C-alpha atoms as a PDB file:
ATOM      1  CA  UNK A   1      17.198 -13.916  38.359  1.00  0.00           C
ATOM      2  CA  UNK A   2      17.992 -14.473  34.632  1.00  0.00           C
ATOM      3  CA  UNK A   3      16.158 -13.302  31.876  1.00  0.00           C
ATOM      4  CA  UNK A   4      14.100 -15.964  30.425  1.00  0.00           C
ATOM      5  CA  UNK A   5      13.307 -16.521  34.124  1.00  0.00           C
ATOM      6  CA  UNK A   6      12.522 -13.249  34.620  1.00  0.00           C
ATOM      7  CA  UNK A   7      10.059 -13.276  31.314  1.00  0.00           C
ATOM      8  CA  UNK A   8       8.434 -16.228  32.318  1.00  0.00           C
ATOM      9  CA  UNK A   9       7.318 -15.086  35.288  1.00  0.00           C
ATOM     10  CA  UNK A  10       6.048 -11.567  34.258  1.00  0.00           C
ATOM     11  CA  UNK A  11       3.885 -13.934  31.737  1.00  0.00           C
ATOM     12  CA  UNK A  12       1.897 -15.186  34.645  1.00  0.00           C
ATOM     13  CA  UNK A  13       2.571 -11.678  36.260  1.00  0.00           C
ATOM     14  CA  UNK A  14       0.600 -10.175  33.652  1.00  0.00           C
ATOM     15  CA  UNK A  15      -1.913 -13.037  33.187  1.00  0.00           C
ATOM     16  CA  UNK A  16      -3.763 -12.828  36.888  1.00  0.00           C
ATOM     17  CA  UNK A  17      -7.033 -11.118  36.978  1.00  0.00           C
ATOM     18  CA  UNK A  18      -7.810  -8.005  38.675  1.00  0.00           C
ATOM     19  CA  UNK A  19      -5.673  -4.779  38.632  1.00  0.00           C
ATOM     20  CA  UNK A  20      -3.172  -4.381  35.282  1.00  0.00           C
ATOM     21  CA  UNK A  21       0.386  -3.170  36.287  1.00  0.00           C
ATOM     22  CA  UNK A  22       2.539  -0.013  35.177  1.00  0.00           C
ATOM     23  CA  UNK A  23       6.043  -0.482  34.204  1.00  0.00           C
ATOM     24  CA  UNK A  24       7.307   1.002  36.872  1.00  0.00           C
ATOM     25  CA  UNK A  25       5.280  -1.369  39.290  1.00  0.00           C
ATOM     26  CA  UNK A  26       7.238  -4.212  37.378  1.00  0.00           C
ATOM     27  CA  UNK A  27      10.501  -2.800  36.915  1.00  0.00           C
ATOM     28  CA  UNK A  28      10.550  -2.669  41.376  1.00  0.00           C
ATOM     29  CA  UNK A  29       8.422  -6.368  41.710  1.00  0.00           C
ATOM     30  CA  UNK A  30      11.646  -7.514  39.725  1.00  0.00           C
ATOM     31  CA  UNK A  31      14.407  -5.082  40.736  1.00  0.00           C
ATOM     32  CA  UNK A  32      15.163  -3.774  37.214  1.00  0.00           C
ATOM     33  CA  UNK A  33      14.868  -0.916  35.216  1.00  0.00           C
ATOM     34  CA  UNK A  34      12.300   0.400  32.821  1.00  0.00           C
ATOM     35  CA  UNK A  35      14.244   0.257  29.584  1.00  0.00           C
ATOM     36  CA  UNK A  36      14.266  -3.783  30.861  1.00  0.00           C
ATOM     37  CA  UNK A  37      10.787  -4.457  31.164  1.00  0.00           C
ATOM     38  CA  UNK A  38      10.320  -2.525  27.388  1.00  0.00           C
ATOM     39  CA  UNK A  39      13.304  -5.229  26.224  1.00  0.00           C
ATOM     40  CA  UNK A  40      11.394  -7.629  27.930  1.00  0.00           C
ATOM     41  CA  UNK A  41       7.831  -6.678  26.162  1.00  0.00           C
ATOM     42  CA  UNK A  42       9.816  -6.731  22.834  1.00  0.00           C
ATOM     43  CA  UNK A  43      11.423 -10.521  23.224  1.00  0.00           C
ATOM     44  CA  UNK A  44       7.736 -11.651  24.246  1.00  0.00           C
ATOM     45  CA  UNK A  45       5.767 -10.086  21.440  1.00  0.00           C
ATOM     46  CA  UNK A  46       8.418 -11.723  19.170  1.00  0.00           C
ATOM     47  CA  UNK A  47       7.571 -15.401  20.034  1.00  0.00           C
ATOM     48  CA  UNK A  48       3.800 -13.789  20.190  1.00  0.00           C
ATOM     49  CA  UNK A  49       2.957 -13.358  23.493  1.00  0.00           C
ATOM     50  CA  UNK A  50      -0.487 -11.374  23.265  1.00  0.00           C
ATOM     51  CA  UNK A  51       0.811  -8.273  25.411  1.00  0.00           C
ATOM     52  CA  UNK A  52      -2.246  -5.655  25.896  1.00  0.00           C
ATOM     53  CA  UNK A  53      -1.723  -1.863  27.193  1.00  0.00           C
ATOM     54  CA  UNK A  54      -3.981   0.655  28.576  1.00  0.00           C
ATOM     55  CA  UNK A  55      -3.310   4.000  29.326  1.00  0.00           C
ATOM     56  CA  UNK A  56      -5.388   4.036  32.509  1.00  0.00           C
ATOM     57  CA  UNK A  57      -5.057   0.625  34.006  1.00  0.00           C
ATOM     58  CA  UNK A  58      -1.265  -0.657  32.659  1.00  0.00           C
ATOM     59  CA  UNK A  59      -0.327  -3.815  30.920  1.00  0.00           C
ATOM     60  CA  UNK A  60      -1.669  -6.974  30.953  1.00  0.00           C
ATOM     61  CA  UNK A  61      -2.565 -10.008  28.526  1.00  0.00           C
ATOM     62  CA  UNK A  62      -5.142 -10.043  25.515  1.00  0.00           C
ATOM     63  CA  UNK A  63      -8.167 -12.107  27.597  1.00  0.00           C
ATOM     64  CA  UNK A  64      -8.474 -15.815  26.792  1.00  0.00           C
ATOM     65  CA  UNK A  65      -4.325 -15.881  26.437  1.00  0.00           C
ATOM     66  CA  UNK A  66      -3.195 -19.474  27.669  1.00  0.00           C
ATOM     67  CA  UNK A  67       0.371 -20.116  28.421  1.00  0.00           C
ATOM     68  CA  UNK A  68       1.631 -23.454  27.241  1.00  0.00           C
ATOM     69  CA  UNK A  69       1.914 -26.220  30.113  1.00  0.00           C
ATOM     70  CA  UNK A  70       4.953 -24.771  32.670  1.00  0.00           C
ATOM     71  CA  UNK A  71       7.783 -27.424  34.039  1.00  0.00           C
ATOM     72  CA  UNK A  72       9.383 -26.745  36.996  1.00  0.00           C
ATOM     73  CA  UNK A  73      13.046 -26.495  38.342  1.00  0.00           C
ATOM     74  CA  UNK A  74      14.578 -28.333  40.764  1.00  0.00           C
ATOM     75  CA  UNK A  75      14.257 -25.553  43.767  1.00  0.00           C
ATOM     76  CA  UNK A  76      11.032 -24.802  43.180  1.00  0.00           C
ATOM     77  CA  UNK A  77       9.399 -28.694  43.107  1.00  0.00           C
ATOM     78  CA  UNK A  78      11.547 -28.842  46.285  1.00  0.00           C
ATOM     79  CA  UNK A  79       9.487 -25.359  47.753  1.00  0.00           C
ATOM     80  CA  UNK A  80       6.465 -27.129  45.810  1.00  0.00           C
ATOM     81  CA  UNK A  81       7.066 -30.666  47.760  1.00  0.00           C
ATOM     82  CA  UNK A  82       7.900 -28.248  51.493  1.00  0.00           C
ATOM     83  CA  UNK A  83       4.326 -27.088  50.893  1.00  0.00           C
ATOM     84  CA  UNK A  84       2.674 -30.013  50.098  1.00  0.00           C
ATOM     85  CA  UNK A  85       4.266 -32.427  53.302  1.00  0.00           C
ATOM     86  CA  UNK A  86       3.092 -29.492  55.393  1.00  0.00           C
ATOM     87  CA  UNK A  87      -0.627 -29.738  53.875  1.00  0.00           C
ATOM     88  CA  UNK A  88       0.164 -33.604  54.180  1.00  0.00           C
ATOM     89  CA  UNK A  89       1.296 -33.155  58.083  1.00  0.00           C
ATOM     90  CA  UNK A  90      -2.531 -31.444  58.484  1.00  0.00           C
ATOM     91  CA  UNK A  91      -5.221 -33.178  60.576  1.00  0.00           C
ATOM     92  CA  UNK A  92      -7.784 -32.313  58.086  1.00  0.00           C
ATOM     93  CA  UNK A  93      -8.489 -35.781  55.792  1.00  0.00           C
ATOM     94  CA  UNK A  94      -9.456 -33.933  52.880  1.00  0.00           C
ATOM     95  CA  UNK A  95      -6.212 -31.762  53.004  1.00  0.00           C
ATOM     96  CA  UNK A  96      -4.347 -34.739  52.847  1.00  0.00           C
ATOM     97  CA  UNK A  97      -6.315 -36.563  50.327  1.00  0.00           C
ATOM     98  CA  UNK A  98      -5.746 -33.549  47.933  1.00  0.00           C
ATOM     99  CA  UNK A  99      -2.328 -33.134  48.462  1.00  0.00           C
ATOM    100  CA  UNK A 100      -1.447 -36.633  47.700  1.00  0.00           C
ATOM    101  CA  UNK A 101      -3.405 -35.847  44.453  1.00  0.00           C
ATOM    102  CA  UNK A 102      -1.374 -32.981  43.193  1.00  0.00           C
ATOM    103  CA  UNK A 103       1.610 -34.708  44.324  1.00  0.00           C
ATOM    104  CA  UNK A 104       0.958 -37.666  41.699  1.00  0.00           C
ATOM    105  CA  UNK A 105      -1.127 -35.269  39.135  1.00  0.00           C
ATOM    106  CA  UNK A 106       2.498 -33.384  39.151  1.00  0.00           C
ATOM    107  CA  UNK A 107       4.214 -37.096  39.286  1.00  0.00           C
ATOM    108  CA  UNK A 108       2.761 -37.951  35.492  1.00  0.00           C
ATOM    109  CA  UNK A 109       4.073 -34.747  34.083  1.00  0.00           C
ATOM    110  CA  UNK A 110       7.802 -34.513  35.265  1.00  0.00           C
ATOM    111  CA  UNK A 111      10.786 -35.718  33.520  1.00  0.00           C
ATOM    112  CA  UNK A 112      12.417 -38.861  34.942  1.00  0.00           C
ATOM    113  CA  UNK A 113      15.403 -37.221  36.681  1.00  0.00           C
ATOM    114  CA  UNK A 114      13.072 -35.078  38.036  1.00  0.00           C
ATOM    115  CA  UNK A 115      10.783 -37.743  39.458  1.00  0.00           C
ATOM    116  CA  UNK A 116      13.561 -39.326  41.296  1.00  0.00           C
ATOM    117  CA  UNK A 117      13.934 -35.811  43.205  1.00  0.00           C
ATOM    118  CA  UNK A 118      10.043 -35.636  43.741  1.00  0.00           C
ATOM    119  CA  UNK A 119      10.483 -39.029  45.249  1.00  0.00           C
ATOM    120  CA  UNK A 120      13.473 -38.387  47.189  1.00  0.00           C
ATOM    121  CA  UNK A 121      11.896 -34.892  48.797  1.00  0.00           C
ATOM    122  CA  UNK A 122       8.526 -36.984  49.686  1.00  0.00           C
ATOM    123  CA  UNK A 123      10.437 -39.524  51.177  1.00  0.00           C
ATOM    124  CA  UNK A 124      13.176 -37.728  53.544  1.00  0.00           C
ATOM    125  CA  UNK A 125      11.559 -34.162  53.688  1.00  0.00           C
ATOM    126  CA  UNK A 126       9.308 -34.123  56.686  1.00  0.00           C
ATOM    127  CA  UNK A 127       7.029 -31.265  58.106  1.00  0.00           C
ATOM    128  CA  UNK A 128       6.055 -30.946  61.797  1.00  0.00           C
ATOM    129  CA  UNK A 129       6.405 -34.828  62.631  1.00  0.00           C
ATOM    130  CA  UNK A 130       5.038 -34.611  65.897  1.00  0.00           C
ATOM    131  CA  UNK A 131       1.633 -33.383  64.579  1.00  0.00           C
ATOM    132  CA  UNK A 132       2.447 -35.465  61.422  1.00  0.00           C
ATOM    133  CA  UNK A 133       2.420 -38.834  63.817  1.00  0.00           C
ATOM    134  CA  UNK A 134       0.860 -38.125  67.647  1.00  0.00           C
ATOM    135  CA  UNK A 135      -2.565 -36.324  65.856  1.00  0.00           C
ATOM    136  CA  UNK A 136      -5.501 -38.006  64.756  1.00  0.00           C
ATOM    137  CA  UNK A 137      -7.103 -37.104  61.532  1.00  0.00           C
ATOM    138  CA  UNK A 138     -10.490 -35.893  61.401  1.00  0.00           C
ATOM    139  CA  UNK A 139     -13.171 -34.612  58.903  1.00  0.00           C
ATOM    140  CA  UNK A 140     -13.558 -30.884  59.820  1.00  0.00           C
ATOM    141  CA  UNK A 141     -15.456 -27.731  57.886  1.00  0.00           C
ATOM    142  CA  UNK A 142     -15.089 -27.913  54.040  1.00  0.00           C
ATOM    143  CA  UNK A 143     -12.180 -25.219  53.721  1.00  0.00           C
ATOM    144  CA  UNK A 144     -12.424 -25.275  50.121  1.00  0.00           C
ATOM    145  CA  UNK A 145     -15.771 -24.187  50.372  1.00  0.00           C
ATOM    146  CA  UNK A 146     -15.550 -21.435  52.403  1.00  0.00           C
ATOM    147  CA  UNK A 147     -12.448 -20.252  50.341  1.00  0.00           C
ATOM    148  CA  UNK A 148     -14.299 -20.463  47.590  1.00  0.00           C
ATOM    149  CA  UNK A 149     -17.234 -18.172  49.699  1.00  0.00           C
ATOM    150  CA  UNK A 150     -14.409 -15.853  50.229  1.00  0.00           C
ATOM    151  CA  UNK A 151     -13.047 -15.399  47.147  1.00  0.00           C
ATOM    152  CA  UNK A 152     -16.647 -14.844  45.624  1.00  0.00           C
ATOM    153  CA  UNK A 153     -17.510 -12.644  48.754  1.00  0.00           C
ATOM    154  CA  UNK A 154     -20.373 -14.468  49.122  1.00  0.00           C
ATOM    155  CA  UNK A 155     -22.066 -14.851  53.062  1.00  0.00           C
ATOM    156  CA  UNK A 156     -22.017 -18.319  54.426  1.00  0.00           C
ATOM    157  CA  UNK A 157     -24.502 -20.374  56.505  1.00  0.00           C
ATOM    158  CA  UNK A 158     -23.908 -23.491  59.177  1.00  0.00           C
ATOM    159  CA  UNK A 159     -24.435 -25.199  62.032  1.00  0.00           C
ATOM    160  CA  UNK A 160     -22.319 -24.825  64.662  1.00  0.00           C
ATOM    161  CA  UNK A 161     -20.625 -26.736  67.652  1.00  0.00           C
ATOM    162  CA  UNK A 162     -19.858 -24.503  70.910  1.00  0.00           C
ATOM    163  CA  UNK A 163     -16.708 -25.372  73.229  1.00  0.00           C
ATOM    164  CA  UNK A 164     -19.713 -26.577  75.595  1.00  0.00           C
ATOM    165  CA  UNK A 165     -21.816 -28.711  73.149  1.00  0.00           C
ATOM    166  CA  UNK A 166     -24.815 -26.685  72.317  1.00  0.00           C
ATOM    167  CA  UNK A 167     -25.475 -26.373  68.222  1.00  0.00           C
ATOM    168  CA  UNK A 168     -26.467 -23.046  66.937  1.00  0.00           C
ATOM    169  CA  UNK A 169     -27.072 -21.751  63.515  1.00  0.00           C
ATOM    170  CA  UNK A 170     -24.694 -19.256  62.157  1.00  0.00           C
ATOM    171  CA  UNK A 171     -24.783 -16.707  59.540  1.00  0.00           C
ATOM    172  CA  UNK A 172     -21.031 -15.162  58.607  1.00  0.00           C
ATOM    173  CA  UNK A 173     -19.612 -13.282  56.292  1.00  0.00           C
ATOM    174  CA  UNK A 174     -16.323 -15.410  55.812  1.00  0.00           C
ATOM    175  CA  UNK A 175     -12.544 -12.651  55.408  1.00  0.00           C
ATOM    176  CA  UNK A 176     -10.316 -14.936  56.587  1.00  0.00           C
ATOM    177  CA  UNK A 177      -9.134 -18.685  56.913  1.00  0.00           C
ATOM    178  CA  UNK A 178      -6.127 -18.937  59.407  1.00  0.00           C
ATOM    179  CA  UNK A 179      -4.113 -21.830  60.887  1.00  0.00           C
ATOM    180  CA  UNK A 180      -3.347 -22.080  64.426  1.00  0.00           C
ATOM    181  CA  UNK A 181      -0.702 -25.410  65.292  1.00  0.00           C
ATOM    182  CA  UNK A 182      -3.297 -27.690  64.881  1.00  0.00           C
ATOM    183  CA  UNK A 183      -6.779 -26.725  63.609  1.00  0.00           C
ATOM    184  CA  UNK A 184      -7.612 -24.257  60.977  1.00  0.00           C
ATOM    185  CA  UNK A 185     -10.058 -21.338  62.024  1.00  0.00           C
ATOM    186  CA  UNK A 186     -12.355 -18.995  59.827  1.00  0.00           C
ATOM    187  CA  UNK A 187     -12.742 -15.744  60.702  1.00  0.00           C
ATOM    188  CA  UNK A 188     -15.809 -13.745  59.469  1.00  0.00           C
ATOM    189  CA  UNK A 189     -18.358 -11.195  60.388  1.00  0.00           C
ATOM    190  CA  UNK A 190     -21.108 -13.268  62.472  1.00  0.00           C
ATOM    191  CA  UNK A 191     -24.527 -11.840  61.923  1.00  0.00           C
ATOM    192  CA  UNK A 192     -25.729 -13.418  65.458  1.00  0.00           C
ATOM    193  CA  UNK A 193     -23.233 -11.802  67.312  1.00  0.00           C
ATOM    194  CA  UNK A 194     -22.788  -8.125  65.014  1.00  0.00           C
ATOM    195  CA  UNK A 195     -18.665  -8.529  65.268  1.00  0.00           C
ATOM    196  CA  UNK A 196     -15.818 -10.257  64.046  1.00  0.00           C
ATOM    197  CA  UNK A 197     -15.786 -13.978  65.361  1.00  0.00           C
ATOM    198  CA  UNK A 198     -13.560 -17.205  64.750  1.00  0.00           C
ATOM    199  CA  UNK A 199     -14.951 -20.164  64.099  1.00  0.00           C
ATOM    200  CA  UNK A 200     -12.881 -23.810  64.582  1.00  0.00           C
ATOM    201  CA  UNK A 201     -13.724 -25.509  61.073  1.00  0.00           C
ATOM    202  CA  UNK A 202     -13.768 -29.393  62.944  1.00  0.00           C
ATOM    203  CA  UNK A 203     -16.665 -27.427  64.330  1.00  0.00           C
ATOM    204  CA  UNK A 204     -18.376 -26.676  61.595  1.00  0.00           C
ATOM    205  CA  UNK A 205     -21.402 -28.995  59.932  1.00  0.00           C
ATOM    206  CA  UNK A 206     -23.474 -28.260  56.602  1.00  0.00           C
ATOM    207  CA  UNK A 207     -21.473 -25.344  55.495  1.00  0.00           C
ATOM    208  CA  UNK A 208     -23.086 -23.653  52.468  1.00  0.00           C
ATOM    209  CA  UNK A 209     -22.956 -20.621  50.394  1.00  0.00           C
ATOM    210  CA  UNK A 210     -25.656 -18.319  50.441  1.00  0.00           C
ATOM    211  CA  UNK A 211     -26.928 -15.782  47.282  1.00  0.00           C
ATOM    212  CA  UNK A 212     -25.801 -13.104  49.430  1.00  0.00           C
ATOM    213  CA  UNK A 213     -23.093 -10.525  48.636  1.00  0.00           C
ATOM    214  CA  UNK A 214     -21.040  -9.222  51.530  1.00  0.00           C
ATOM    215  CA  UNK A 215     -18.472  -5.845  51.029  1.00  0.00           C
ATOM    216  CA  UNK A 216     -15.392  -5.453  53.156  1.00  0.00           C
ATOM    217  CA  UNK A 217     -15.542  -2.814  55.897  1.00  0.00           C
ATOM    218  CA  UNK A 218     -13.349   0.256  56.331  1.00  0.00           C
ATOM    219  CA  UNK A 219     -10.270  -0.861  57.510  1.00  0.00           C
ATOM    220  CA  UNK A 220     -10.421  -4.180  57.451  1.00  0.00           C
ATOM    221  CA  UNK A 221      -6.545  -6.054  57.132  1.00  0.00           C
ATOM    222  CA  UNK A 222      -5.415  -9.534  57.951  1.00  0.00           C
ATOM    223  CA  UNK A 223      -3.465  -7.792  61.219  1.00  0.00           C
ATOM    224  CA  UNK A 224      -6.663  -6.361  62.263  1.00  0.00           C
ATOM    225  CA  UNK A 225      -9.127  -9.667  61.707  1.00  0.00           C
ATOM    226  CA  UNK A 226      -6.461 -11.563  63.342  1.00  0.00           C
ATOM    227  CA  UNK A 227      -5.112  -9.115  66.870  1.00  0.00           C
ATOM    228  CA  UNK A 228      -8.392  -7.851  67.084  1.00  0.00           C
ATOM    229  CA  UNK A 229      -9.073  -5.515  69.741  1.00  0.00           C
ATOM    230  CA  UNK A 230     -11.516  -5.628  72.318  1.00  0.00           C
ATOM    231  CA  UNK A 231     -12.518  -4.349  75.897  1.00  0.00           C
ATOM    232  CA  UNK A 232     -11.244  -7.308  77.936  1.00  0.00           C
ATOM    233  CA  UNK A 233      -7.383  -7.251  76.483  1.00  0.00           C
ATOM    234  CA  UNK A 234      -5.010  -6.722  79.219  1.00  0.00           C
ATOM    235  CA  UNK A 235      -1.600  -5.698  78.729  1.00  0.00           C
ATOM    236  CA  UNK A 236       1.271  -8.507  79.854  1.00  0.00           C
ATOM    237  CA  UNK A 237       4.271  -7.913  79.872  1.00  0.00           C
ATOM    238  CA  UNK A 238       7.036 -11.302  80.300  1.00  0.00           C
ATOM    239  CA  UNK A 239      10.753 -11.191  81.699  1.00  0.00           C
ATOM    240  CA  UNK A 240      12.238 -14.297  78.876  1.00  0.00           C
ATOM    241  CA  UNK A 241      15.370 -16.090  78.634  1.00  0.00           C
ATOM    242  CA  UNK A 242      17.808 -15.230  75.895  1.00  0.00           C
ATOM    243  CA  UNK A 243      17.691 -18.570  74.744  1.00  0.00           C
ATOM    244  CA  UNK A 244      13.997 -19.468  74.310  1.00  0.00           C
ATOM    245  CA  UNK A 245      13.164 -16.241  72.720  1.00  0.00           C
ATOM    246  CA  UNK A 246      13.047 -17.084  68.714  1.00  0.00           C
ATOM    247  CA  UNK A 247      10.928 -20.211  69.763  1.00  0.00           C
ATOM    248  CA  UNK A 248       8.361 -17.954  71.680  1.00  0.00           C
ATOM    249  CA  UNK A 249       8.358 -15.439  69.328  1.00  0.00           C
ATOM    250  CA  UNK A 250       7.203 -17.950  67.073  1.00  0.00           C
ATOM    251  CA  UNK A 251       4.807 -19.419  68.292  1.00  0.00           C
ATOM    252  CA  UNK A 252       3.355 -16.604  70.497  1.00  0.00           C
ATOM    253  CA  UNK A 253      -0.648 -16.288  70.267  1.00  0.00           C
ATOM    254  CA  UNK A 254      -0.654 -12.720  70.350  1.00  0.00           C
ATOM    255  CA  UNK A 255       0.697  -9.857  68.181  1.00  0.00           C
ATOM    256  CA  UNK A 256       4.063  -8.736  70.081  1.00  0.00           C
ATOM    257  CA  UNK A 257       4.187  -4.789  70.767  1.00  0.00           C
ATOM    258  CA  UNK A 258       7.394  -3.885  72.243  1.00  0.00           C
ATOM    259  CA  UNK A 259      10.536  -6.340  72.331  1.00  0.00           C
ATOM    260  CA  UNK A 260      13.473  -5.331  74.512  1.00  0.00           C
ATOM    261  CA  UNK A 261      16.598  -6.792  76.020  1.00  0.00           C
ATOM    262  CA  UNK A 262      16.749  -5.686  79.374  1.00  0.00           C
ATOM    263  CA  UNK A 263      20.135  -7.518  80.849  1.00  0.00           C
ATOM    264  CA  UNK A 264      22.461  -9.835  78.707  1.00  0.00           C
ATOM    265  CA  UNK A 265      19.999 -13.020  78.610  1.00  0.00           C
ATOM    266  CA  UNK A 266      16.925 -11.600  79.506  1.00  0.00           C
ATOM    267  CA  UNK A 267      13.985  -9.915  77.023  1.00  0.00           C
ATOM    268  CA  UNK A 268      10.931  -8.331  78.251  1.00  0.00           C
ATOM    269  CA  UNK A 269       8.289  -9.035  75.498  1.00  0.00           C
ATOM    270  CA  UNK A 270       4.780  -7.159  75.667  1.00  0.00           C
ATOM    271  CA  UNK A 271       1.566  -7.203  74.114  1.00  0.00           C
ATOM    272  CA  UNK A 272      -1.802  -7.677  74.757  1.00  0.00           C
ATOM    273  CA  UNK A 273      -4.238 -10.890  75.420  1.00  0.00           C
ATOM    274  CA  UNK A 274      -8.044 -11.337  76.837  1.00  0.00           C
ATOM    275  CA  UNK A 275      -7.790 -15.227  77.786  1.00  0.00           C
ATOM    276  CA  UNK A 276      -5.848 -15.212  80.946  1.00  0.00           C
ATOM    277  CA  UNK A 277      -6.563 -18.895  82.011  1.00  0.00           C
ATOM    278  CA  UNK A 278      -5.852 -19.964  78.314  1.00  0.00           C
ATOM    279  CA  UNK A 279      -2.391 -17.855  78.392  1.00  0.00           C
ATOM    280  CA  UNK A 280      -1.601 -19.124  82.069  1.00  0.00           C
ATOM    281  CA  UNK A 281      -1.295 -22.185  80.621  1.00  0.00           C
ATOM    282  CA  UNK A 282      -0.059 -21.923  77.681  1.00  0.00           C
ATOM    283  CA  UNK A 283       2.911 -20.373  79.450  1.00  0.00           C
ATOM    284  CA  UNK A 284       3.595 -23.743  81.795  1.00  0.00           C
ATOM    285  CA  UNK A 285       5.295 -25.149  78.969  1.00  0.00           C
ATOM    286  CA  UNK A 286       8.048 -22.637  79.284  1.00  0.00           C
ATOM    287  CA  UNK A 287       8.825 -23.577  82.744  1.00  0.00           C
ATOM    288  CA  UNK A 288      11.657 -21.300  84.415  1.00  0.00           C
ATOM    289  CA  UNK A 289      13.188 -19.331  80.927  1.00  0.00           C
ATOM    290  CA  UNK A 290       9.548 -17.032  81.426  1.00  0.00           C
ATOM    291  CA  UNK A 291       8.658 -14.612  84.382  1.00  0.00           C
ATOM    292  CA  UNK A 292       5.960 -12.858  84.207  1.00  0.00           C
ATOM    293  CA  UNK A 293       5.780  -9.108  84.874  1.00  0.00           C
ATOM    294  CA  UNK A 294       1.928  -8.132  84.421  1.00  0.00           C
ATOM    295  CA  UNK A 295      -1.091  -8.293  85.003  1.00  0.00           C
ATOM    296  CA  UNK A 296      -1.339  -9.277  88.216  1.00  0.00           C
ATOM    297  CA  UNK A 297      -4.250 -11.190  87.372  1.00  0.00           C
ATOM    298  CA  UNK A 298      -2.124 -13.651  85.812  1.00  0.00           C
ATOM    299  CA  UNK A 299       0.288 -14.230  88.056  1.00  0.00           C
ATOM    300  CA  UNK A 300      -2.000 -15.038  90.276  1.00  0.00           C
ATOM    301  CA  UNK A 301      -3.668 -17.568  88.294  1.00  0.00           C
ATOM    302  CA  UNK A 302       0.232 -19.327  87.686  1.00  0.00           C
ATOM    303  CA  UNK A 303       0.598 -19.218  91.611  1.00  0.00           C
ATOM    304  CA  UNK A 304      -2.891 -20.879  91.574  1.00  0.00           C
ATOM    305  CA  UNK A 305      -2.079 -23.906  88.970  1.00  0.00           C
ATOM    306  CA  UNK A 306       1.371 -24.203  90.247  1.00  0.00           C
ATOM    307  CA  UNK A 307       0.044 -24.944  94.251  1.00  0.00           C
ATOM    308  CA  UNK A 308      -2.115 -27.337  92.600  1.00  0.00           C
ATOM    309  CA  UNK A 309      -0.060 -28.892  90.781  1.00  0.00           C
ATOM    310  CA  UNK A 310       2.511 -29.369  94.084  1.00  0.00           C
ATOM    311  CA  UNK A 311      -0.535 -30.234  95.985  1.00  0.00           C
ATOM    312  CA  UNK A 312      -1.978 -33.290  93.735  1.00  0.00           C
ATOM    313  CA  UNK A 313       1.625 -34.700  93.865  1.00  0.00           C
ATOM    314  CA  UNK A 314       1.791 -34.225  97.619  1.00  0.00           C
ATOM    315  CA  UNK A 315      -1.360 -36.667  97.941  1.00  0.00           C
END
């Protein structure tokens, strides 16, 4: 990273709301010395960037300072296009429309040579083609409204449709938006259940933000919310062919506890899971490249499923 690029990113970092940064923190972020950061401060001051220092909180910019419009380089633009193409592959209609709107706005301010690059990237960069071409786009829960509630730490209320088809009113403290393969979930504290619950966005109807604040619970983290413990979880151990190990690690719906190579072409993966019927059907996609070592209930479920499939073929 050259000095001009670093100083531009330094301005953006100092402009962020929230806790300010010390010189040592800034040096660690950019991988340079404290002296280099001070030289950057001097260079920015010479072009009238108003850097503010507080002995208790650190460095930031004077409140109200706005940077002039930024221009992307070709690598940054390519990164943006990959992200936009991912959003455009979503099944959520509103997300797709929003991504297209962002593309149009960016194109309007780009010089011609970068417009040509952007058009090429748009046409020749495909993210998740099977989801893009085979799924039906649908209107799901308002992810933007939910993200606003998370940012403002406000409670939400909505009507939720369960798998069984019943509809109930739910009130939650929304903590996290999570994307799982083909749908979005909001994870939060359910006032109905008195516990952490996950809600699929396309089953949410009429979400509203309440004028009630929530406070983060102790030891609440992304990992603890996604891979939360409950007493129904069982230890699962799989023996996996070496050729499949990376593919399984990428999409395994659980957090890996242990991964070890047992044979030249065999690995063992250990994790905890609470829904054996779901895991049984999920594992069938890997055929004979995955063998269940434990638990017995999962082995039994897979045998029952395979016997049923064989019987159906023989009828």
